[in-house]
Amino acid sequence: MKLPILAFLAVTLVACSQQPAAGTPVNAPEGSAVIATESRLIDQGHGAPVSGDPAPDFSYTLPDGATVRLSDLRGTPVVLNFWATWCLPCVEEMPVLQEAYEAGGGKLAVLAVNRNELPAAIARFSQSVPVTFPLIANISGDIGDRYAVTSLPVTYFIRRDGTISARHIGALNERALAEQLEALE
C-alpha cells in the first residue's frame, strides 16, 4: 500500500516543480483572471485627475513576480476600472469589460483595481465572474483615493500617451464603453 502512495507523491512533486512558461501567471489557469495581490501607489500628487492630466502612476505585482507600472503600458489605451466584489453594478459590468478586452486583441489594456478587499475575496469572485484581465488588489485603497474614487464603479479611460481621456461614474453598458473606446483612438 505504501508503494502506490509514494509513487503518487513523487509524480505530484515532479509536476509541481515544473516552471510555468515565461509570463504565464502562476495562480491562474489559462482563460482565468490574473490576480495581482500587491499594488503600490507611485504618484503621490493631490487632487482629482481630469481629462488631459497624466494618469497617476501605480504598480502591481503579477503572480509570476513581475511588477508592472501603469506607465509601462504607454502606447496602449487603458481602461482603468475601480470595483469591489460586493458592488452589484461592478459585477454586472465585468462581462462588458471582458468583451472589450477580448475584442481589443492585445491592443487594449483593461485593469480592474479592487477597493479595500483581500486577495482571497477577489479570487472567490473571479471563479463566478470569468475575466482574463488583471484584477488588482489594493487593500489600502490609496490608488482609488488618488483617482478620487468615492463611489463604485468608476472607470478612467487613458490614452496611449498616458493622459486621461475621460472618467465614467457608474456601471458601463456596451454603448457607453464603445463610445469611450472610440474617443481613445
Protein backbone atom coordinates (compact mmCIF):
# COMPACT_ATOMS: atom_id res chain seq x y z
CA MET A 1 0.00 0.00 0.00
CA LYS A 2 2.89 2.39 0.73
CA LEU A 3 4.43 1.99 -2.73
CA PRO A 4 1.42 3.44 -4.67
CA ILE A 5 1.22 6.37 -2.26
CA LEU A 6 4.95 7.07 -2.62
CA ALA A 7 4.69 6.84 -6.41
CA PHE A 8 1.76 9.28 -6.38
CA LEU A 9 3.69 11.73 -4.18
CA ALA A 10 6.76 11.50 -6.42
CA VAL A 11 4.72 12.24 -9.55
CA THR A 12 2.94 15.10 -7.77
CA LEU A 13 6.21 16.66 -6.60
CA VAL A 14 7.72 16.46 -10.08
CA ALA A 15 4.61 18.01 -11.63
CA CYS A 16 4.51 20.79 -9.05
CA SER A 17 8.16 21.64 -9.58
CA GLN A 18 7.72 22.32 -13.29
CA GLN A 19 8.24 26.00 -14.07
CA PRO A 20 5.48 27.77 -15.99
CA ALA A 21 6.26 29.35 -19.33
CA ALA A 22 7.51 32.93 -19.12
CA GLY A 23 4.66 35.32 -18.48
CA THR A 24 2.21 32.58 -17.50
CA PRO A 25 0.51 33.53 -14.23
CA VAL A 26 1.37 31.05 -11.51
CA ASN A 27 -2.06 31.01 -9.86
CA ALA A 28 -4.30 31.41 -12.88
CA PRO A 29 -5.14 28.64 -15.30
CA GLU A 30 -5.36 29.69 -18.93
CA GLY A 31 -8.52 31.66 -19.57
CA SER A 32 -8.91 32.86 -15.99
CA ALA A 33 -8.25 36.08 -14.16
CA VAL A 34 -4.78 37.17 -13.21
CA ILE A 35 -4.93 38.33 -9.61
CA ALA A 36 -2.29 40.86 -8.61
CA THR A 37 -2.11 40.51 -4.84
CA GLU A 38 0.13 43.53 -4.31
CA SER A 39 -0.14 47.08 -5.56
CA ARG A 40 1.52 50.38 -4.74
CA LEU A 41 0.70 53.99 -5.49
CA ILE A 42 3.70 55.72 -7.08
CA ASP A 43 2.26 59.15 -7.89
CA GLN A 44 1.73 60.93 -4.57
CA GLY A 45 0.11 64.01 -6.16
CA HIS A 46 -3.06 65.65 -4.93
CA GLY A 47 -6.40 66.49 -6.46
CA ALA A 48 -8.68 64.55 -8.73
CA PRO A 49 -7.10 63.89 -12.13
CA VAL A 50 -9.12 65.32 -15.02
CA SER A 51 -9.13 64.94 -18.79
CA GLY A 52 -5.74 65.84 -20.20
CA ASP A 53 -3.84 65.16 -16.96
CA PRO A 54 -1.24 62.39 -16.84
CA ALA A 55 -2.78 59.29 -15.25
CA PRO A 56 -1.42 58.89 -11.70
CA ASP A 57 1.09 56.06 -11.77
CA PHE A 58 0.90 52.89 -9.69
CA SER A 59 2.40 49.42 -9.82
CA TYR A 60 1.06 45.93 -9.32
CA THR A 61 2.76 42.58 -8.92
CA LEU A 62 1.65 39.64 -11.05
CA PRO A 63 1.55 36.08 -9.73
CA ASP A 64 4.82 35.26 -11.53
CA GLY A 65 6.56 38.03 -9.56
CA ALA A 66 6.73 40.54 -12.42
CA THR A 67 5.95 44.10 -11.38
CA VAL A 68 4.08 46.27 -13.89
CA ARG A 69 3.60 50.02 -13.70
CA LEU A 70 0.67 51.78 -15.33
CA SER A 71 3.26 53.93 -17.11
CA ASP A 72 4.73 50.73 -18.65
CA LEU A 73 1.53 50.49 -20.69
CA ARG A 74 2.13 53.73 -22.60
CA GLY A 75 1.46 53.15 -26.26
CA THR A 76 -1.66 51.13 -25.40
CA PRO A 77 -5.03 52.60 -24.45
CA VAL A 78 -6.05 51.60 -20.92
CA VAL A 79 -9.44 51.08 -19.32
CA LEU A 80 -8.86 51.53 -15.58
CA ASN A 81 -11.83 50.26 -13.59
CA PHE A 82 -12.34 50.62 -9.82
CA TRP A 83 -14.62 47.97 -8.34
CA ALA A 84 -15.47 45.70 -5.40
CA THR A 85 -16.87 42.19 -5.17
CA TRP A 86 -19.91 43.35 -3.17
CA CYS A 87 -20.83 46.05 -5.71
CA LEU A 88 -23.65 44.71 -7.92
CA PRO A 89 -23.15 47.30 -10.73
CA CYS A 90 -19.44 46.38 -10.73
CA VAL A 91 -20.29 42.71 -11.16
CA GLU A 92 -22.80 43.49 -13.92
CA GLU A 93 -20.28 45.47 -15.99
CA MET A 94 -17.46 42.90 -15.81
CA PRO A 95 -18.72 40.90 -18.85
CA VAL A 96 -18.84 44.15 -20.88
CA LEU A 97 -15.25 44.92 -19.90
CA GLN A 98 -14.23 41.35 -20.76
CA GLU A 99 -15.81 41.60 -24.22
CA ALA A 100 -13.93 44.84 -24.91
CA TYR A 101 -10.69 43.31 -23.66
CA GLU A 102 -11.08 40.28 -25.94
CA ALA A 103 -12.12 42.43 -28.91
CA GLY A 104 -9.01 44.57 -28.36
CA GLY A 105 -6.86 41.60 -29.30
CA GLY A 106 -3.93 42.74 -27.17
CA LYS A 107 -4.22 46.36 -28.31
CA LEU A 108 -6.27 47.41 -25.26
CA ALA A 109 -5.35 47.03 -21.61
CA VAL A 110 -8.06 46.58 -19.00
CA LEU A 111 -7.05 46.88 -15.35
CA ALA A 112 -9.56 46.36 -12.55
CA VAL A 113 -8.39 47.85 -9.25
CA ASN A 114 -10.30 46.42 -6.32
CA ARG A 115 -11.12 48.72 -3.41
CA ASN A 116 -10.06 47.52 0.02
CA GLU A 117 -10.63 43.75 -0.29
CA LEU A 118 -8.27 40.88 0.39
CA PRO A 119 -6.92 38.79 -2.50
CA ALA A 120 -8.86 35.74 -1.24
CA ALA A 121 -12.18 37.58 -1.77
CA ILE A 122 -11.06 38.60 -5.26
CA ALA A 123 -10.08 35.00 -6.05
CA ARG A 124 -13.51 33.73 -4.98
CA PHE A 125 -15.16 36.43 -7.09
CA SER A 126 -13.08 35.51 -10.15
CA GLN A 127 -14.44 31.97 -10.06
CA SER A 128 -18.02 33.20 -10.56
CA VAL A 129 -17.37 36.08 -12.96
CA PRO A 130 -14.84 34.89 -15.53
CA VAL A 131 -12.47 37.59 -16.74
CA THR A 132 -8.95 37.32 -18.12
CA PHE A 133 -7.66 40.84 -17.47
CA PRO A 134 -5.78 41.69 -14.25
CA LEU A 135 -7.77 42.03 -11.03
CA ILE A 136 -5.58 44.17 -8.79
CA ALA A 137 -5.88 44.02 -5.01
CA ASN A 138 -5.47 47.45 -3.44
CA ILE A 139 -6.20 46.73 0.19
CA SER A 140 -5.26 50.19 1.45
CA GLY A 141 -7.39 51.91 -1.20
CA ASP A 142 -4.70 54.50 -1.88
CA ILE A 143 -4.88 54.12 -5.67
CA GLY A 144 -8.63 54.77 -5.68
CA ASP A 145 -8.10 57.68 -3.29
CA ARG A 146 -5.54 59.22 -5.68
CA TYR A 147 -8.06 58.87 -8.51
CA ALA A 148 -10.74 60.49 -6.29
CA VAL A 149 -12.96 57.39 -6.31
CA THR A 150 -15.76 57.91 -3.77
CA SER A 151 -18.34 55.50 -5.20
CA LEU A 152 -18.19 52.35 -7.28
CA PRO A 153 -17.80 51.54 -10.07
CA VAL A 154 -15.67 54.29 -11.57
CA THR A 155 -13.77 53.87 -14.82
CA TYR A 156 -10.99 56.02 -16.27
CA PHE A 157 -10.06 55.91 -19.93
CA ILE A 158 -6.38 56.54 -20.54
CA ARG A 159 -4.95 57.47 -23.93
CA ARG A 160 -1.88 55.89 -25.49
CA ASP A 161 0.24 58.83 -24.30
CA GLY A 162 -0.72 58.15 -20.66
CA THR A 163 -3.13 61.06 -20.29
CA ILE A 164 -6.70 60.78 -19.11
CA SER A 165 -9.36 60.95 -21.78
CA ALA A 166 -12.46 60.61 -19.60
CA ARG A 167 -13.92 59.44 -16.29
CA HIS A 168 -17.15 57.45 -16.13
CA ILE A 169 -19.05 57.11 -12.85
CA GLY A 170 -21.40 54.13 -12.58
CA ALA A 171 -21.73 50.89 -14.49
CA LEU A 172 -20.74 50.83 -18.13
CA ASN A 173 -23.02 49.31 -20.72
CA GLU A 174 -21.83 48.24 -24.17
CA ARG A 175 -22.77 51.52 -25.84
CA ALA A 176 -21.15 53.79 -23.25
CA LEU A 177 -17.99 51.69 -23.30
CA ALA A 178 -17.87 51.69 -27.12
CA GLU A 179 -18.22 55.49 -27.18
CA GLN A 180 -15.37 55.96 -24.71
CA LEU A 181 -13.13 53.50 -26.56
CA GLU A 182 -13.82 55.25 -29.85
CA ALA A 183 -12.77 58.54 -28.25
CA LEU A 184 -9.45 56.94 -27.25
CA GLU A 185 -8.50 56.31 -30.90
